[in-house]
Amino acid sequence: MNTNNLVMDGFENPEAGMTTAEYAVGTVGASGIAGIILWLANQDWFRELFANLFRSIFKI
């Protein structure tokens, strides 16, 4: 039996499948941050803050 194939196939690799879990955690984190940004964007005070900021930057 060739042991190199077992290691390359992930049968004896203790970290096999970790990349999938890391992608899942990253996706959940990115979704949470996107949700917070969307919630902020729907707040009147946040819209006014950015409107005033851009007005002062561009002197409109």
PDB file of N, CA and C in Angstrom:
ATOM      1  N   MET A   1       0.843  -1.180   0.000  1.00  0.00           N
ATOM      2  CA  MET A   1       0.000   0.000   0.000  1.00  0.00           C
ATOM      3  C   MET A   1       0.884   1.238   0.000  1.00  0.00           C
ATOM      4  N   ASN A   2       0.565   2.175  -0.855  1.00  0.00           N
ATOM      5  CA  ASN A   2       1.333   3.398  -0.972  1.00  0.00           C
ATOM      6  C   ASN A   2       0.768   4.439   0.005  1.00  0.00           C
ATOM      7  N   THR A   3       1.566   4.822   1.005  1.00  0.00           N
ATOM      8  CA  THR A   3       1.081   5.755   2.022  1.00  0.00           C
ATOM      9  C   THR A   3       1.025   7.188   1.512  1.00  0.00           C
ATOM     10  N   ASN A   4       1.758   7.508   0.451  1.00  0.00           N
ATOM     11  CA  ASN A   4       1.713   8.869  -0.088  1.00  0.00           C
ATOM     12  C   ASN A   4       0.320   9.210  -0.598  1.00  0.00           C
ATOM     13  N   ASN A   5      -0.370   8.233  -1.185  1.00  0.00           N
ATOM     14  CA  ASN A   5      -1.715   8.491  -1.683  1.00  0.00           C
ATOM     15  C   ASN A   5      -2.693   8.770  -0.547  1.00  0.00           C
ATOM     16  N   LEU A   6      -2.493   8.087   0.586  1.00  0.00           N
ATOM     17  CA  LEU A   6      -3.391   8.307   1.719  1.00  0.00           C
ATOM     18  C   LEU A   6      -3.253   9.727   2.260  1.00  0.00           C
ATOM     19  N   VAL A   7      -2.027  10.199   2.369  1.00  0.00           N
ATOM     20  CA  VAL A   7      -1.814  11.542   2.893  1.00  0.00           C
ATOM     21  C   VAL A   7      -2.324  12.570   1.900  1.00  0.00           C
ATOM     22  N   MET A   8      -2.102  12.360   0.617  1.00  0.00           N
ATOM     23  CA  MET A   8      -2.539  13.324  -0.387  1.00  0.00           C
ATOM     24  C   MET A   8      -4.052  13.335  -0.527  1.00  0.00           C
ATOM     25  N   ASP A   9      -4.691  12.209  -0.273  1.00  0.00           N
ATOM     26  CA  ASP A   9      -6.149  12.152  -0.368  1.00  0.00           C
ATOM     27  C   ASP A   9      -6.822  12.731   0.869  1.00  0.00           C
ATOM     28  N   GLY A  10      -6.068  13.001   1.926  1.00  0.00           N
ATOM     29  CA  GLY A  10      -6.632  13.590   3.124  1.00  0.00           C
ATOM     30  C   GLY A  10      -7.108  12.589   4.156  1.00  0.00           C
ATOM     31  N   PHE A  11      -6.870  11.301   3.956  1.00  0.00           N
ATOM     32  CA  PHE A  11      -7.340  10.308   4.913  1.00  0.00           C
ATOM     33  C   PHE A  11      -6.583  10.384   6.224  1.00  0.00           C
ATOM     34  N   GLU A  12      -5.306  10.684   6.194  1.00  0.00           N
ATOM     35  CA  GLU A  12      -4.516  10.758   7.421  1.00  0.00           C
ATOM     36  C   GLU A  12      -4.160  12.197   7.772  1.00  0.00           C
ATOM     37  N   ASN A  13      -4.691  13.131   7.067  1.00  0.00           N
ATOM     38  CA  ASN A  13      -4.406  14.525   7.324  1.00  0.00           C
ATOM     39  C   ASN A  13      -5.387  15.049   8.372  1.00  0.00           C
ATOM     40  N   PRO A  14      -4.901  15.428   9.553  1.00  0.00           N
ATOM     41  CA  PRO A  14      -5.826  15.877  10.607  1.00  0.00           C
ATOM     42  C   PRO A  14      -6.535  17.187  10.283  1.00  0.00           C
ATOM     43  N   GLU A  15      -6.015  17.959   9.324  1.00  0.00           N
ATOM     44  CA  GLU A  15      -6.640  19.227   8.975  1.00  0.00           C
ATOM     45  C   GLU A  15      -7.458  19.135   7.696  1.00  0.00           C
ATOM     46  N   ALA A  16      -7.794  17.958   7.271  1.00  0.00           N
ATOM     47  CA  ALA A  16      -8.595  17.801   6.056  1.00  0.00           C
ATOM     48  C   ALA A  16      -9.977  18.399   6.289  1.00  0.00           C
ATOM     49  N   GLY A  17     -10.423  19.223   5.380  1.00  0.00           N
ATOM     50  CA  GLY A  17     -11.726  19.854   5.500  1.00  0.00           C
ATOM     51  C   GLY A  17     -11.713  21.177   6.236  1.00  0.00           C
ATOM     52  N   MET A  18     -10.568  21.607   6.703  1.00  0.00           N
ATOM     53  CA  MET A  18     -10.506  22.868   7.437  1.00  0.00           C
ATOM     54  C   MET A  18     -10.798  24.068   6.539  1.00  0.00           C
ATOM     55  N   THR A  19     -10.428  23.975   5.281  1.00  0.00           N
ATOM     56  CA  THR A  19     -10.655  25.132   4.422  1.00  0.00           C
ATOM     57  C   THR A  19     -12.150  25.401   4.266  1.00  0.00           C
ATOM     58  N   THR A  20     -12.956  24.362   4.234  1.00  0.00           N
ATOM     59  CA  THR A  20     -14.404  24.544   4.125  1.00  0.00           C
ATOM     60  C   THR A  20     -14.945  25.255   5.364  1.00  0.00           C
ATOM     61  N   ALA A  21     -14.473  24.861   6.525  1.00  0.00           N
ATOM     62  CA  ALA A  21     -14.921  25.501   7.766  1.00  0.00           C
ATOM     63  C   ALA A  21     -14.461  26.956   7.814  1.00  0.00           C
ATOM     64  N   GLU A  22     -13.257  27.221   7.340  1.00  0.00           N
ATOM     65  CA  GLU A  22     -12.758  28.597   7.342  1.00  0.00           C
ATOM     66  C   GLU A  22     -13.563  29.468   6.387  1.00  0.00           C
ATOM     67  N   TYR A  23     -13.919  28.921   5.231  1.00  0.00           N
ATOM     68  CA  TYR A  23     -14.765  29.681   4.304  1.00  0.00           C
ATOM     69  C   TYR A  23     -16.140  29.951   4.922  1.00  0.00           C
ATOM     70  N   ALA A  24     -16.669  28.991   5.653  1.00  0.00           N
ATOM     71  CA  ALA A  24     -17.980  29.173   6.280  1.00  0.00           C
ATOM     72  C   ALA A  24     -17.922  30.287   7.322  1.00  0.00           C
ATOM     73  N   VAL A  25     -16.879  30.296   8.133  1.00  0.00           N
ATOM     74  CA  VAL A  25     -16.746  31.337   9.157  1.00  0.00           C
ATOM     75  C   VAL A  25     -16.576  32.707   8.494  1.00  0.00           C
ATOM     76  N   GLY A  26     -15.781  32.764   7.437  1.00  0.00           N
ATOM     77  CA  GLY A  26     -15.592  34.024   6.719  1.00  0.00           C
ATOM     78  C   GLY A  26     -16.874  34.524   6.085  1.00  0.00           C
ATOM     79  N   THR A  27     -17.653  33.607   5.539  1.00  0.00           N
ATOM     80  CA  THR A  27     -18.926  33.985   4.914  1.00  0.00           C
ATOM     81  C   THR A  27     -19.913  34.506   5.945  1.00  0.00           C
ATOM     82  N   VAL A  28     -19.990  33.850   7.084  1.00  0.00           N
ATOM     83  CA  VAL A  28     -20.896  34.308   8.147  1.00  0.00           C
ATOM     84  C   VAL A  28     -20.455  35.674   8.662  1.00  0.00           C
ATOM     85  N   GLY A  29     -19.153  35.855   8.825  1.00  0.00           N
ATOM     86  CA  GLY A  29     -18.650  37.150   9.285  1.00  0.00           C
ATOM     87  C   GLY A  29     -18.935  38.263   8.297  1.00  0.00           C
ATOM     88  N   ALA A  30     -18.700  37.994   7.017  1.00  0.00           N
ATOM     89  CA  ALA A  30     -18.961  39.006   5.985  1.00  0.00           C
ATOM     90  C   ALA A  30     -20.452  39.321   5.893  1.00  0.00           C
ATOM     91  N   SER A  31     -21.281  38.307   6.044  1.00  0.00           N
ATOM     92  CA  SER A  31     -22.735  38.535   6.000  1.00  0.00           C
ATOM     93  C   SER A  31     -23.188  39.376   7.187  1.00  0.00           C
ATOM     94  N   GLY A  32     -22.616  39.135   8.339  1.00  0.00           N
ATOM     95  CA  GLY A  32     -22.965  39.919   9.523  1.00  0.00           C
ATOM     96  C   GLY A  32     -22.580  41.380   9.366  1.00  0.00           C
ATOM     97  N   ILE A  33     -21.382  41.625   8.845  1.00  0.00           N
ATOM     98  CA  ILE A  33     -20.940  43.003   8.629  1.00  0.00           C
ATOM     99  C   ILE A  33     -21.811  43.683   7.576  1.00  0.00           C
ATOM    100  N   ALA A  34     -22.154  42.957   6.511  1.00  0.00           N
ATOM    101  CA  ALA A  34     -23.035  43.525   5.481  1.00  0.00           C
ATOM    102  C   ALA A  34     -24.397  43.870   6.060  1.00  0.00           C
ATOM    103  N   GLY A  35     -24.909  43.034   6.949  1.00  0.00           N
ATOM    104  CA  GLY A  35     -26.190  43.314   7.595  1.00  0.00           C
ATOM    105  C   GLY A  35     -26.137  44.570   8.447  1.00  0.00           C
ATOM    106  N   ILE A  36     -25.049  44.747   9.161  1.00  0.00           N
ATOM    107  CA  ILE A  36     -24.893  45.949   9.988  1.00  0.00           C
ATOM    108  C   ILE A  36     -24.808  47.195   9.109  1.00  0.00           C
ATOM    109  N   ILE A  37     -24.068  47.099   7.997  1.00  0.00           N
ATOM    110  CA  ILE A  37     -23.958  48.242   7.086  1.00  0.00           C
ATOM    111  C   ILE A  37     -25.316  48.586   6.480  1.00  0.00           C
ATOM    112  N   LEU A  38     -26.082  47.580   6.108  1.00  0.00           N
ATOM    113  CA  LEU A  38     -27.420  47.834   5.564  1.00  0.00           C
ATOM    114  C   LEU A  38     -28.334  48.459   6.604  1.00  0.00           C
ATOM    115  N   TRP A  39     -28.245  47.983   7.841  1.00  0.00           N
ATOM    116  CA  TRP A  39     -29.060  48.561   8.911  1.00  0.00           C
ATOM    117  C   TRP A  39     -28.677  50.022   9.123  1.00  0.00           C
ATOM    118  N   LEU A  40     -27.371  50.309   9.133  1.00  0.00           N
ATOM    119  CA  LEU A  40     -26.923  51.692   9.304  1.00  0.00           C
ATOM    120  C   LEU A  40     -27.398  52.570   8.152  1.00  0.00           C
ATOM    121  N   ALA A  41     -27.325  52.051   6.928  1.00  0.00           N
ATOM    122  CA  ALA A  41     -27.691  52.840   5.758  1.00  0.00           C
ATOM    123  C   ALA A  41     -29.174  53.206   5.769  1.00  0.00           C
ATOM    124  N   ASN A  42     -29.982  52.451   6.472  1.00  0.00           N
ATOM    125  CA  ASN A  42     -31.415  52.744   6.546  1.00  0.00           C
ATOM    126  C   ASN A  42     -31.768  53.701   7.681  1.00  0.00           C
ATOM    127  N   GLN A  43     -30.795  54.094   8.475  1.00  0.00           N
ATOM    128  CA  GLN A  43     -31.041  55.021   9.580  1.00  0.00           C
ATOM    129  C   GLN A  43     -30.958  56.461   9.074  1.00  0.00           C
ATOM    130  N   ASP A  44     -31.906  57.289   9.487  1.00  0.00           N
ATOM    131  CA  ASP A  44     -31.938  58.681   9.038  1.00  0.00           C
ATOM    132  C   ASP A  44     -30.701  59.454   9.480  1.00  0.00           C
ATOM    133  N   TRP A  45     -30.278  59.258  10.724  1.00  0.00           N
ATOM    134  CA  TRP A  45     -29.121  59.990  11.223  1.00  0.00           C
ATOM    135  C   TRP A  45     -27.862  59.636  10.453  1.00  0.00           C
ATOM    136  N   PHE A  46     -27.753  58.404   9.999  1.00  0.00           N
ATOM    137  CA  PHE A  46     -26.579  57.972   9.236  1.00  0.00           C
ATOM    138  C   PHE A  46     -26.578  58.615   7.850  1.00  0.00           C
ATOM    139  N   ARG A  47     -27.752  58.672   7.237  1.00  0.00           N
ATOM    140  CA  ARG A  47     -27.861  59.330   5.928  1.00  0.00           C
ATOM    141  C   ARG A  47     -27.530  60.803   6.027  1.00  0.00           C
ATOM    142  N   GLU A  48     -28.025  61.458   7.076  1.00  0.00           N
ATOM    143  CA  GLU A  48     -27.736  62.873   7.271  1.00  0.00           C
ATOM    144  C   GLU A  48     -26.250  63.108   7.536  1.00  0.00           C
ATOM    145  N   LEU A  49     -25.642  62.223   8.276  1.00  0.00           N
ATOM    146  CA  LEU A  49     -24.211  62.325   8.558  1.00  0.00           C
ATOM    147  C   LEU A  49     -23.409  62.293   7.270  1.00  0.00           C
ATOM    148  N   PHE A  50     -23.700  61.333   6.406  1.00  0.00           N
ATOM    149  CA  PHE A  50     -22.959  61.229   5.156  1.00  0.00           C
ATOM    150  C   PHE A  50     -23.300  62.370   4.193  1.00  0.00           C
ATOM    151  N   ALA A  51     -24.542  62.793   4.187  1.00  0.00           N
ATOM    152  CA  ALA A  51     -24.912  63.918   3.328  1.00  0.00           C
ATOM    153  C   ALA A  51     -24.158  65.178   3.752  1.00  0.00           C
ATOM    154  N   ASN A  52     -24.117  65.445   5.048  1.00  0.00           N
ATOM    155  CA  ASN A  52     -23.388  66.612   5.551  1.00  0.00           C
ATOM    156  C   ASN A  52     -21.889  66.485   5.306  1.00  0.00           C
ATOM    157  N   LEU A  53     -21.371  65.282   5.430  1.00  0.00           N
ATOM    158  CA  LEU A  53     -19.956  65.056   5.183  1.00  0.00           C
ATOM    159  C   LEU A  53     -19.601  65.355   3.730  1.00  0.00           C
ATOM    160  N   PHE A  54     -20.392  64.851   2.797  1.00  0.00           N
ATOM    161  CA  PHE A  54     -20.120  65.099   1.390  1.00  0.00           C
ATOM    162  C   PHE A  54     -20.362  66.559   1.012  1.00  0.00           C
ATOM    163  N   ARG A  55     -21.346  67.189   1.636  1.00  0.00           N
ATOM    164  CA  ARG A  55     -21.573  68.617   1.372  1.00  0.00           C
ATOM    165  C   ARG A  55     -20.371  69.447   1.804  1.00  0.00           C
ATOM    166  N   SER A  56     -19.826  69.105   2.962  1.00  0.00           N
ATOM    167  CA  SER A  56     -18.681  69.869   3.457  1.00  0.00           C
ATOM    168  C   SER A  56     -17.418  69.567   2.644  1.00  0.00           C
ATOM    169  N   ILE A  57     -17.278  68.368   2.151  1.00  0.00           N
ATOM    170  CA  ILE A  57     -16.110  68.024   1.346  1.00  0.00           C
ATOM    171  C   ILE A  57     -16.157  68.722  -0.004  1.00  0.00           C
ATOM    172  N   PHE A  58     -17.320  68.660  -0.654  1.00  0.00           N
ATOM    173  CA  PHE A  58     -17.444  69.196  -2.015  1.00  0.00           C
ATOM    174  C   PHE A  58     -18.026  70.614  -2.051  1.00  0.00           C
ATOM    175  N   LYS A  59     -18.373  71.172  -0.891  1.00  0.00           N
ATOM    176  CA  LYS A  59     -18.912  72.528  -0.783  1.00  0.00           C
ATOM    177  C   LYS A  59     -20.089  72.748  -1.735  1.00  0.00           C
ATOM    178  N   ILE A  60     -21.056  71.854  -1.663  1.00  0.00           N
ATOM    179  CA  ILE A  60     -22.238  71.941  -2.529  1.00  0.00           C
ATOM    180  C   ILE A  60     -23.233  72.914  -1.917  1.00  0.00           C
TER     181      ILE A  60
END
